[in-house]
């Protein structure tokens, strides 16, 4: 049975009152009086105390899930289809930016990853041109508009990846992937080749060892500690918790551009990171390195 996405708010019914409460105000003792926060749904939900991800030995915070034998209403924002439709609708709020999500005839959406790459390439070209143009050049306006468009696309791409990370049940994953198909240039990209969770760092590393990945990817990481870098353009590196196997440790590194050096990621907090990735190796340590140029490339998982 479909489970829907992990939730952080619930409608709590008490003897004389009923209000929407955040997960921080709830506990297992509230189970039996908790319902979906969406007024179109109100199916029963339950508090879950969280668990430890074995691959990285990191803690998943408490969350809310459907109660046994319950299901969300089709239009509920916490159902798979409802969550996708709400997110896609919200991503279209930016004016004068072509939609990164395209409607298809069967009711699904095409996630046009190539639009993000086109904007990134255009921004780099404009930056190079402006370096040789006199101050006050007309390129400045185009640069600002392109930068805004790229930020919007990064936010949408990281956000839809965050939604994928909040889905656990295999049948729900299949439903989600049938609703959102990824297109890069003239081909379809499978979600397993775009999104990587804690248990698949080794898969990503091995893929990179075989060949360069042309398109951006999304990865779920948990921040561990901040370190300084000798690379002038990326002075801050955030080491994330590794997926550890018997002979190897696969470590994601989030390298922040100098314009983002004051961006703080909380230790122990999980994030979705979007970007191009490269790899390196030293002894048993196998590194996955992300260069972050736009703060919209990073979003908290919850």
C-alpha atoms as a PDB file:
ATOM      1  CA  UNK A   1       0.000   0.000   0.000  1.00  0.00           C
ATOM      2  CA  UNK A   2       1.270   3.469  -0.892  1.00  0.00           C
ATOM      3  CA  UNK A   3       2.674   5.452   2.029  1.00  0.00           C
ATOM      4  CA  UNK A   4       2.954   8.999   0.673  1.00  0.00           C
ATOM      5  CA  UNK A   5       5.772  11.357   1.638  1.00  0.00           C
ATOM      6  CA  UNK A   6       7.290  11.882   5.067  1.00  0.00           C
ATOM      7  CA  UNK A   7       5.385  14.635   6.889  1.00  0.00           C
ATOM      8  CA  UNK A   8       6.352  17.140   9.578  1.00  0.00           C
ATOM      9  CA  UNK A   9       2.910  18.531  10.486  1.00  0.00           C
ATOM     10  CA  UNK A  10      -0.312  16.874  11.606  1.00  0.00           C
ATOM     11  CA  UNK A  11      -3.846  17.854  12.542  1.00  0.00           C
ATOM     12  CA  UNK A  12      -4.248  16.945  16.213  1.00  0.00           C
ATOM     13  CA  UNK A  13      -7.706  16.431  17.675  1.00  0.00           C
ATOM     14  CA  UNK A  14      -8.098  16.874  21.417  1.00  0.00           C
ATOM     15  CA  UNK A  15     -11.173  16.946  23.651  1.00  0.00           C
ATOM     16  CA  UNK A  16     -12.063  20.571  23.003  1.00  0.00           C
ATOM     17  CA  UNK A  17      -9.650  21.751  20.318  1.00  0.00           C
ATOM     18  CA  UNK A  18      -8.156  20.661  17.012  1.00  0.00           C
ATOM     19  CA  UNK A  19      -5.096  22.355  15.524  1.00  0.00           C
ATOM     20  CA  UNK A  20      -2.245  21.719  13.105  1.00  0.00           C
ATOM     21  CA  UNK A  21       0.925  20.914  15.070  1.00  0.00           C
ATOM     22  CA  UNK A  22       4.568  20.710  14.032  1.00  0.00           C
ATOM     23  CA  UNK A  23       6.480  17.472  14.612  1.00  0.00           C
ATOM     24  CA  UNK A  24       8.452  19.192  17.384  1.00  0.00           C
ATOM     25  CA  UNK A  25       5.228  19.529  19.388  1.00  0.00           C
ATOM     26  CA  UNK A  26       4.262  15.873  18.987  1.00  0.00           C
ATOM     27  CA  UNK A  27       5.295  12.476  20.335  1.00  0.00           C
ATOM     28  CA  UNK A  28       4.327   8.805  20.063  1.00  0.00           C
ATOM     29  CA  UNK A  29       1.823   9.403  22.871  1.00  0.00           C
ATOM     30  CA  UNK A  30      -0.239  11.454  20.394  1.00  0.00           C
ATOM     31  CA  UNK A  31      -0.787   8.515  18.043  1.00  0.00           C
ATOM     32  CA  UNK A  32      -4.523   7.891  17.718  1.00  0.00           C
ATOM     33  CA  UNK A  33      -5.353  11.594  17.683  1.00  0.00           C
ATOM     34  CA  UNK A  34      -3.240  12.618  14.661  1.00  0.00           C
ATOM     35  CA  UNK A  35      -4.595  13.180  11.174  1.00  0.00           C
ATOM     36  CA  UNK A  36      -3.269  14.496   7.869  1.00  0.00           C
ATOM     37  CA  UNK A  37      -2.920  18.269   7.941  1.00  0.00           C
ATOM     38  CA  UNK A  38      -4.571  18.675   4.508  1.00  0.00           C
ATOM     39  CA  UNK A  39      -8.280  19.465   5.133  1.00  0.00           C
ATOM     40  CA  UNK A  40      -9.166  17.598   1.922  1.00  0.00           C
ATOM     41  CA  UNK A  41      -7.751  14.415   3.424  1.00  0.00           C
ATOM     42  CA  UNK A  42      -7.668  14.044   7.226  1.00  0.00           C
ATOM     43  CA  UNK A  43      -6.660  10.396   7.094  1.00  0.00           C
ATOM     44  CA  UNK A  44      -4.954   9.003  10.181  1.00  0.00           C
ATOM     45  CA  UNK A  45      -1.195   9.499  10.514  1.00  0.00           C
ATOM     46  CA  UNK A  46       1.346   8.391  13.113  1.00  0.00           C
ATOM     47  CA  UNK A  47       4.428   9.782  14.802  1.00  0.00           C
ATOM     48  CA  UNK A  48       7.626   7.864  14.026  1.00  0.00           C
ATOM     49  CA  UNK A  49      10.669   8.339  16.258  1.00  0.00           C
ATOM     50  CA  UNK A  50      13.165   8.193  13.388  1.00  0.00           C
ATOM     51  CA  UNK A  51      15.973   5.734  12.816  1.00  0.00           C
ATOM     52  CA  UNK A  52      19.658   5.411  11.946  1.00  0.00           C
ATOM     53  CA  UNK A  53      20.804   5.153   8.345  1.00  0.00           C
ATOM     54  CA  UNK A  54      23.128   2.191   8.419  1.00  0.00           C
ATOM     55  CA  UNK A  55      25.156   3.203   5.358  1.00  0.00           C
ATOM     56  CA  UNK A  56      26.387   6.474   6.875  1.00  0.00           C
ATOM     57  CA  UNK A  57      25.507   5.939  10.555  1.00  0.00           C
ATOM     58  CA  UNK A  58      23.492   9.176  10.542  1.00  0.00           C
ATOM     59  CA  UNK A  59      20.248   9.882  12.360  1.00  0.00           C
ATOM     60  CA  UNK A  60      16.916  10.474  10.637  1.00  0.00           C
ATOM     61  CA  UNK A  61      14.828  12.878  12.696  1.00  0.00           C
ATOM     62  CA  UNK A  62      11.290  11.994  13.815  1.00  0.00           C
ATOM     63  CA  UNK A  63       8.638  12.259  11.115  1.00  0.00           C
ATOM     64  CA  UNK A  64       4.979  11.481  10.466  1.00  0.00           C
ATOM     65  CA  UNK A  65       3.720   8.671   8.268  1.00  0.00           C
ATOM     66  CA  UNK A  66       0.387   7.112   7.332  1.00  0.00           C
ATOM     67  CA  UNK A  67      -1.237   4.904   9.952  1.00  0.00           C
ATOM     68  CA  UNK A  68      -1.697   1.230   9.091  1.00  0.00           C
ATOM     69  CA  UNK A  69      -4.253   0.548   6.333  1.00  0.00           C
ATOM     70  CA  UNK A  70      -4.770   4.278   5.708  1.00  0.00           C
ATOM     71  CA  UNK A  71      -4.171   6.220   2.522  1.00  0.00           C
ATOM     72  CA  UNK A  72      -4.203   9.856   1.468  1.00  0.00           C
ATOM     73  CA  UNK A  73      -6.948  11.348  -0.675  1.00  0.00           C
ATOM     74  CA  UNK A  74      -5.817  11.620  -4.296  1.00  0.00           C
ATOM     75  CA  UNK A  75      -5.730  15.423  -4.179  1.00  0.00           C
ATOM     76  CA  UNK A  76      -3.940  15.570  -0.798  1.00  0.00           C
ATOM     77  CA  UNK A  77      -0.662  17.481  -0.848  1.00  0.00           C
ATOM     78  CA  UNK A  78       0.998  14.607   1.022  1.00  0.00           C
ATOM     79  CA  UNK A  79       0.071  11.941  -1.508  1.00  0.00           C
ATOM     80  CA  UNK A  80       2.633  11.283  -4.231  1.00  0.00           C
ATOM     81  CA  UNK A  81       0.590  12.797  -7.058  1.00  0.00           C
ATOM     82  CA  UNK A  82      -0.611  15.677  -4.882  1.00  0.00           C
ATOM     83  CA  UNK A  83       2.892  16.540  -3.686  1.00  0.00           C
ATOM     84  CA  UNK A  84       4.235  16.516  -7.257  1.00  0.00           C
ATOM     85  CA  UNK A  85       1.421  18.754  -8.551  1.00  0.00           C
ATOM     86  CA  UNK A  86       1.820  21.239  -5.696  1.00  0.00           C
ATOM     87  CA  UNK A  87       5.581  21.458  -6.202  1.00  0.00           C
ATOM     88  CA  UNK A  88       5.360  21.822  -9.987  1.00  0.00           C
ATOM     89  CA  UNK A  89       2.705  24.515  -9.574  1.00  0.00           C
ATOM     90  CA  UNK A  90       4.847  26.451  -7.102  1.00  0.00           C
ATOM     91  CA  UNK A  91       7.875  26.230  -9.396  1.00  0.00           C
ATOM     92  CA  UNK A  92       5.954  28.153 -12.049  1.00  0.00           C
ATOM     93  CA  UNK A  93       5.582  31.275  -9.935  1.00  0.00           C
ATOM     94  CA  UNK A  94       8.688  32.989 -11.372  1.00  0.00           C
ATOM     95  CA  UNK A  95       7.745  35.360 -14.182  1.00  0.00           C
ATOM     96  CA  UNK A  96       9.481  35.369 -17.572  1.00  0.00           C
ATOM     97  CA  UNK A  97      11.241  32.055 -16.932  1.00  0.00           C
ATOM     98  CA  UNK A  98      10.405  29.094 -19.208  1.00  0.00           C
ATOM     99  CA  UNK A  99       9.045  26.197 -17.131  1.00  0.00           C
ATOM    100  CA  UNK A 100      11.574  23.532 -16.264  1.00  0.00           C
ATOM    101  CA  UNK A 101       8.591  21.171 -15.919  1.00  0.00           C
ATOM    102  CA  UNK A 102       6.624  20.450 -19.081  1.00  0.00           C
ATOM    103  CA  UNK A 103       3.135  18.911 -19.055  1.00  0.00           C
ATOM    104  CA  UNK A 104       2.657  15.747 -21.090  1.00  0.00           C
ATOM    105  CA  UNK A 105      -0.516  14.277 -22.540  1.00  0.00           C
ATOM    106  CA  UNK A 106      -0.653  11.395 -20.052  1.00  0.00           C
ATOM    107  CA  UNK A 107      -0.727  13.762 -17.048  1.00  0.00           C
ATOM    108  CA  UNK A 108       2.917  13.336 -16.086  1.00  0.00           C
ATOM    109  CA  UNK A 109       5.656  15.987 -16.215  1.00  0.00           C
ATOM    110  CA  UNK A 110       8.957  16.198 -18.062  1.00  0.00           C
ATOM    111  CA  UNK A 111      11.753  17.613 -15.912  1.00  0.00           C
ATOM    112  CA  UNK A 112      13.860  19.437 -18.507  1.00  0.00           C
ATOM    113  CA  UNK A 113      17.338  19.223 -17.013  1.00  0.00           C
ATOM    114  CA  UNK A 114      18.822  20.631 -20.210  1.00  0.00           C
ATOM    115  CA  UNK A 115      17.291  24.058 -19.432  1.00  0.00           C
ATOM    116  CA  UNK A 116      19.416  24.259 -16.296  1.00  0.00           C
ATOM    117  CA  UNK A 117      22.553  23.387 -18.243  1.00  0.00           C
ATOM    118  CA  UNK A 118      21.773  25.858 -21.021  1.00  0.00           C
ATOM    119  CA  UNK A 119      21.407  28.672 -18.467  1.00  0.00           C
ATOM    120  CA  UNK A 120      24.646  27.685 -16.705  1.00  0.00           C
ATOM    121  CA  UNK A 121      26.561  27.672 -19.998  1.00  0.00           C
ATOM    122  CA  UNK A 122      25.070  31.005 -21.047  1.00  0.00           C
ATOM    123  CA  UNK A 123      25.947  32.589 -17.693  1.00  0.00           C
ATOM    124  CA  UNK A 124      29.572  31.431 -17.986  1.00  0.00           C
ATOM    125  CA  UNK A 125      29.833  32.885 -21.499  1.00  0.00           C
ATOM    126  CA  UNK A 126      28.368  36.200 -20.379  1.00  0.00           C
ATOM    127  CA  UNK A 127      30.777  36.328 -17.439  1.00  0.00           C
ATOM    128  CA  UNK A 128      33.736  35.843 -19.792  1.00  0.00           C
ATOM    129  CA  UNK A 129      32.460  38.534 -22.180  1.00  0.00           C
ATOM    130  CA  UNK A 130      31.838  41.041 -19.381  1.00  0.00           C
ATOM    131  CA  UNK A 131      35.437  40.668 -18.218  1.00  0.00           C
ATOM    132  CA  UNK A 132      36.556  42.373 -21.437  1.00  0.00           C
ATOM    133  CA  UNK A 133      33.626  44.801 -21.875  1.00  0.00           C
ATOM    134  CA  UNK A 134      33.666  48.393 -20.563  1.00  0.00           C
ATOM    135  CA  UNK A 135      31.745  49.155 -17.374  1.00  0.00           C
ATOM    136  CA  UNK A 136      28.058  49.840 -18.024  1.00  0.00           C
ATOM    137  CA  UNK A 137      27.869  47.388 -20.907  1.00  0.00           C
ATOM    138  CA  UNK A 138      24.408  46.201 -21.961  1.00  0.00           C
ATOM    139  CA  UNK A 139      25.516  42.690 -21.114  1.00  0.00           C
ATOM    140  CA  UNK A 140      24.960  43.474 -17.446  1.00  0.00           C
ATOM    141  CA  UNK A 141      21.161  43.251 -17.685  1.00  0.00           C
ATOM    142  CA  UNK A 142      21.326  39.978 -19.615  1.00  0.00           C
ATOM    143  CA  UNK A 143      23.739  38.592 -17.019  1.00  0.00           C
ATOM    144  CA  UNK A 144      21.382  39.459 -14.140  1.00  0.00           C
ATOM    145  CA  UNK A 145      18.378  37.917 -15.923  1.00  0.00           C
ATOM    146  CA  UNK A 146      20.312  34.742 -16.761  1.00  0.00           C
ATOM    147  CA  UNK A 147      21.575  34.444 -13.189  1.00  0.00           C
ATOM    148  CA  UNK A 148      18.003  34.776 -11.907  1.00  0.00           C
ATOM    149  CA  UNK A 149      16.789  32.117 -14.350  1.00  0.00           C
ATOM    150  CA  UNK A 150      19.581  29.729 -13.348  1.00  0.00           C
ATOM    151  CA  UNK A 151      18.776  30.206  -9.647  1.00  0.00           C
ATOM    152  CA  UNK A 152      15.131  29.393 -10.366  1.00  0.00           C
ATOM    153  CA  UNK A 153      16.073  26.211 -12.215  1.00  0.00           C
ATOM    154  CA  UNK A 154      18.488  25.137  -9.475  1.00  0.00           C
ATOM    155  CA  UNK A 155      15.781  25.682  -6.868  1.00  0.00           C
ATOM    156  CA  UNK A 156      13.292  23.596  -8.863  1.00  0.00           C
ATOM    157  CA  UNK A 157      15.776  20.792  -9.583  1.00  0.00           C
ATOM    158  CA  UNK A 158      16.964  20.582  -5.966  1.00  0.00           C
ATOM    159  CA  UNK A 159      13.363  20.804  -4.739  1.00  0.00           C
ATOM    160  CA  UNK A 160      12.014  17.949  -6.858  1.00  0.00           C
ATOM    161  CA  UNK A 161      15.018  15.873  -5.732  1.00  0.00           C
ATOM    162  CA  UNK A 162      14.162  16.704  -2.123  1.00  0.00           C
ATOM    163  CA  UNK A 163      10.643  15.429  -2.749  1.00  0.00           C
ATOM    164  CA  UNK A 164      12.082  12.180  -4.099  1.00  0.00           C
ATOM    165  CA  UNK A 165      14.218  11.813  -0.953  1.00  0.00           C
ATOM    166  CA  UNK A 166      11.088  11.984   1.257  1.00  0.00           C
ATOM    167  CA  UNK A 167       9.649   8.854  -0.364  1.00  0.00           C
ATOM    168  CA  UNK A 168      10.561   5.461   1.104  1.00  0.00           C
ATOM    169  CA  UNK A 169       8.063   2.879  -0.111  1.00  0.00           C
ATOM    170  CA  UNK A 170       9.138   1.147  -3.339  1.00  0.00           C
ATOM    171  CA  UNK A 171       5.691   1.391  -4.942  1.00  0.00           C
ATOM    172  CA  UNK A 172       5.603   5.121  -4.129  1.00  0.00           C
ATOM    173  CA  UNK A 173       9.025   5.570  -5.741  1.00  0.00           C
ATOM    174  CA  UNK A 174       7.712   3.900  -8.872  1.00  0.00           C
ATOM    175  CA  UNK A 175       4.636   6.167  -8.866  1.00  0.00           C
ATOM    176  CA  UNK A 176       6.822   9.244  -8.442  1.00  0.00           C
ATOM    177  CA  UNK A 177       9.182   8.252 -11.244  1.00  0.00           C
ATOM    178  CA  UNK A 178       6.241   7.632 -13.568  1.00  0.00           C
ATOM    179  CA  UNK A 179       4.922  11.129 -12.787  1.00  0.00           C
ATOM    180  CA  UNK A 180       8.234  12.981 -13.244  1.00  0.00           C
ATOM    181  CA  UNK A 181      10.442  11.932 -16.146  1.00  0.00           C
ATOM    182  CA  UNK A 182      13.879  13.528 -16.594  1.00  0.00           C
ATOM    183  CA  UNK A 183      15.021  14.735 -19.997  1.00  0.00           C
ATOM    184  CA  UNK A 184      18.563  15.827 -20.776  1.00  0.00           C
ATOM    185  CA  UNK A 185      19.126  17.049 -24.324  1.00  0.00           C
ATOM    186  CA  UNK A 186      17.573  14.387 -26.579  1.00  0.00           C
ATOM    187  CA  UNK A 187      17.459  11.498 -24.127  1.00  0.00           C
ATOM    188  CA  UNK A 188      15.715  10.396 -20.969  1.00  0.00           C
ATOM    189  CA  UNK A 189      17.712  10.097 -17.742  1.00  0.00           C
ATOM    190  CA  UNK A 190      16.608   7.468 -15.239  1.00  0.00           C
ATOM    191  CA  UNK A 191      16.054   8.679 -11.693  1.00  0.00           C
ATOM    192  CA  UNK A 192      18.577   6.119 -10.427  1.00  0.00           C
ATOM    193  CA  UNK A 193      21.182   7.888 -12.586  1.00  0.00           C
ATOM    194  CA  UNK A 194      20.209  11.338 -11.314  1.00  0.00           C
ATOM    195  CA  UNK A 195      19.427  10.953  -7.588  1.00  0.00           C
ATOM    196  CA  UNK A 196      21.738   9.230  -5.097  1.00  0.00           C
ATOM    197  CA  UNK A 197      20.997   8.605  -1.424  1.00  0.00           C
ATOM    198  CA  UNK A 198      23.363   7.520   1.355  1.00  0.00           C
ATOM    199  CA  UNK A 199      23.364   3.872   0.316  1.00  0.00           C
ATOM    200  CA  UNK A 200      24.476   4.609  -3.249  1.00  0.00           C
ATOM    201  CA  UNK A 201      27.565   6.814  -2.899  1.00  0.00           C
ATOM    202  CA  UNK A 202      29.642   3.831  -4.018  1.00  0.00           C
ATOM    203  CA  UNK A 203      27.454   3.465  -7.120  1.00  0.00           C
ATOM    204  CA  UNK A 204      28.067   7.110  -8.045  1.00  0.00           C
ATOM    205  CA  UNK A 205      31.805   6.806  -7.437  1.00  0.00           C
ATOM    206  CA  UNK A 206      32.101   3.678  -9.548  1.00  0.00           C
ATOM    207  CA  UNK A 207      30.115   5.315 -12.325  1.00  0.00           C
ATOM    208  CA  UNK A 208      32.474   8.304 -12.306  1.00  0.00           C
ATOM    209  CA  UNK A 209      35.466   5.974 -12.380  1.00  0.00           C
ATOM    210  CA  UNK A 210      34.195   4.564 -15.664  1.00  0.00           C
ATOM    211  CA  UNK A 211      33.396   7.893 -17.351  1.00  0.00           C
ATOM    212  CA  UNK A 212      32.507  11.537 -16.765  1.00  0.00           C
ATOM    213  CA  UNK A 213      28.839  12.274 -16.030  1.00  0.00           C
ATOM    214  CA  UNK A 214      27.673  14.922 -18.475  1.00  0.00           C
ATOM    215  CA  UNK A 215      24.577  16.129 -16.624  1.00  0.00           C
ATOM    216  CA  UNK A 216      24.175  17.473 -13.065  1.00  0.00           C
ATOM    217  CA  UNK A 217      23.113  14.991 -10.389  1.00  0.00           C
ATOM    218  CA  UNK A 218      21.394  15.294  -7.009  1.00  0.00           C
ATOM    219  CA  UNK A 219      22.652  13.655  -3.831  1.00  0.00           C
ATOM    220  CA  UNK A 220      21.458  13.448  -0.247  1.00  0.00           C
ATOM    221  CA  UNK A 221      24.242  14.270   2.206  1.00  0.00           C
ATOM    222  CA  UNK A 222      24.558  14.856   5.930  1.00  0.00           C
ATOM    223  CA  UNK A 223      26.960  17.642   6.882  1.00  0.00           C
ATOM    224  CA  UNK A 224      29.787  16.648   9.243  1.00  0.00           C
ATOM    225  CA  UNK A 225      32.438  19.364   9.528  1.00  0.00           C
ATOM    226  CA  UNK A 226      33.717  22.501   7.807  1.00  0.00           C
ATOM    227  CA  UNK A 227      37.274  22.668   6.505  1.00  0.00           C
ATOM    228  CA  UNK A 228      39.273  25.348   4.730  1.00  0.00           C
ATOM    229  CA  UNK A 229      40.443  24.735   1.178  1.00  0.00           C
ATOM    230  CA  UNK A 230      43.583  25.763  -0.673  1.00  0.00           C
ATOM    231  CA  UNK A 231      41.506  26.407  -3.806  1.00  0.00           C
ATOM    232  CA  UNK A 232      41.079  30.185  -3.908  1.00  0.00           C
ATOM    233  CA  UNK A 233      37.803  30.129  -5.812  1.00  0.00           C
ATOM    234  CA  UNK A 234      36.300  27.558  -3.396  1.00  0.00           C
ATOM    235  CA  UNK A 235      37.785  28.425   0.023  1.00  0.00           C
ATOM    236  CA  UNK A 236      35.295  26.440   2.146  1.00  0.00           C
ATOM    237  CA  UNK A 237      34.802  22.670   1.951  1.00  0.00           C
ATOM    238  CA  UNK A 238      32.125  20.850   3.915  1.00  0.00           C
ATOM    239  CA  UNK A 239      32.924  17.230   4.621  1.00  0.00           C
ATOM    240  CA  UNK A 240      29.839  15.024   4.789  1.00  0.00           C
ATOM    241  CA  UNK A 241      29.305  11.682   6.471  1.00  0.00           C
ATOM    242  CA  UNK A 242      30.690   8.828   4.411  1.00  0.00           C
ATOM    243  CA  UNK A 243      29.164   5.620   3.222  1.00  0.00           C
ATOM    244  CA  UNK A 244      31.595   3.111   4.672  1.00  0.00           C
ATOM    245  CA  UNK A 245      32.232  -0.355   3.356  1.00  0.00           C
ATOM    246  CA  UNK A 246      34.790  -2.856   4.586  1.00  0.00           C
ATOM    247  CA  UNK A 247      37.670  -1.545   2.461  1.00  0.00           C
ATOM    248  CA  UNK A 248      36.524   1.942   1.413  1.00  0.00           C
ATOM    249  CA  UNK A 249      34.896   5.158   2.598  1.00  0.00           C
ATOM    250  CA  UNK A 250      32.935   7.192   0.042  1.00  0.00           C
ATOM    251  CA  UNK A 251      32.940  10.828   1.178  1.00  0.00           C
ATOM    252  CA  UNK A 252      30.878  13.655  -0.356  1.00  0.00           C
ATOM    253  CA  UNK A 253      32.520  17.098  -0.240  1.00  0.00           C
ATOM    254  CA  UNK A 254      30.515  20.297  -0.768  1.00  0.00           C
ATOM    255  CA  UNK A 255      32.909  23.006  -1.985  1.00  0.00           C
ATOM    256  CA  UNK A 256      31.496  26.517  -1.656  1.00  0.00           C
ATOM    257  CA  UNK A 257      32.343  29.309  -4.088  1.00  0.00           C
ATOM    258  CA  UNK A 258      34.019  32.327  -2.498  1.00  0.00           C
ATOM    259  CA  UNK A 259      30.745  34.286  -2.850  1.00  0.00           C
ATOM    260  CA  UNK A 260      29.042  31.643  -0.679  1.00  0.00           C
ATOM    261  CA  UNK A 261      31.750  31.177   1.959  1.00  0.00           C
ATOM    262  CA  UNK A 262      29.408  32.445   4.702  1.00  0.00           C
ATOM    263  CA  UNK A 263      26.744  29.843   3.886  1.00  0.00           C
ATOM    264  CA  UNK A 264      26.353  27.580   6.915  1.00  0.00           C
ATOM    265  CA  UNK A 265      25.345  23.922   6.841  1.00  0.00           C
ATOM    266  CA  UNK A 266      24.465  22.480  10.245  1.00  0.00           C
ATOM    267  CA  UNK A 267      26.390  19.404  11.360  1.00  0.00           C
ATOM    268  CA  UNK A 268      24.094  16.384  11.472  1.00  0.00           C
ATOM    269  CA  UNK A 269      21.525  17.992   9.179  1.00  0.00           C
ATOM    270  CA  UNK A 270      20.661  16.294   5.884  1.00  0.00           C
ATOM    271  CA  UNK A 271      20.632  18.286   2.647  1.00  0.00           C
ATOM    272  CA  UNK A 272      19.964  17.730  -1.018  1.00  0.00           C
ATOM    273  CA  UNK A 273      22.885  18.973  -3.129  1.00  0.00           C
ATOM    274  CA  UNK A 274      22.581  19.558  -6.864  1.00  0.00           C
ATOM    275  CA  UNK A 275      25.500  19.927  -9.228  1.00  0.00           C
ATOM    276  CA  UNK A 276      28.215  18.408 -11.353  1.00  0.00           C
ATOM    277  CA  UNK A 277      30.387  15.926  -9.515  1.00  0.00           C
ATOM    278  CA  UNK A 278      33.974  14.740  -9.875  1.00  0.00           C
ATOM    279  CA  UNK A 279      35.896  12.104  -7.949  1.00  0.00           C
ATOM    280  CA  UNK A 280      39.338  11.490  -6.483  1.00  0.00           C
ATOM    281  CA  UNK A 281      40.993   8.801  -4.387  1.00  0.00           C
ATOM    282  CA  UNK A 282      43.556   8.636  -1.601  1.00  0.00           C
ATOM    283  CA  UNK A 283      44.178   5.278   0.039  1.00  0.00           C
ATOM    284  CA  UNK A 284      40.798   3.930   1.202  1.00  0.00           C
ATOM    285  CA  UNK A 285      39.122   7.336   0.943  1.00  0.00           C
ATOM    286  CA  UNK A 286      37.108   7.868  -2.234  1.00  0.00           C
ATOM    287  CA  UNK A 287      35.918  11.452  -2.617  1.00  0.00           C
ATOM    288  CA  UNK A 288      32.848  12.829  -4.381  1.00  0.00           C
ATOM    289  CA  UNK A 289      33.415  16.548  -4.987  1.00  0.00           C
ATOM    290  CA  UNK A 290      30.701  19.119  -5.715  1.00  0.00           C
ATOM    291  CA  UNK A 291      31.440  22.731  -6.698  1.00  0.00           C
ATOM    292  CA  UNK A 292      28.613  24.964  -5.485  1.00  0.00           C
ATOM    293  CA  UNK A 293      28.236  28.333  -7.216  1.00  0.00           C
ATOM    294  CA  UNK A 294      24.611  29.129  -6.381  1.00  0.00           C
ATOM    295  CA  UNK A 295      22.984  28.833  -2.947  1.00  0.00           C
ATOM    296  CA  UNK A 296      19.881  27.356  -4.600  1.00  0.00           C
ATOM    297  CA  UNK A 297      21.913  24.223  -5.338  1.00  0.00           C
ATOM    298  CA  UNK A 298      21.499  23.208  -1.691  1.00  0.00           C
ATOM    299  CA  UNK A 299      18.211  22.609   0.154  1.00  0.00           C
ATOM    300  CA  UNK A 300      17.484  21.104   3.562  1.00  0.00           C
ATOM    301  CA  UNK A 301      15.884  17.689   3.285  1.00  0.00           C
ATOM    302  CA  UNK A 302      13.364  18.575   5.994  1.00  0.00           C
END
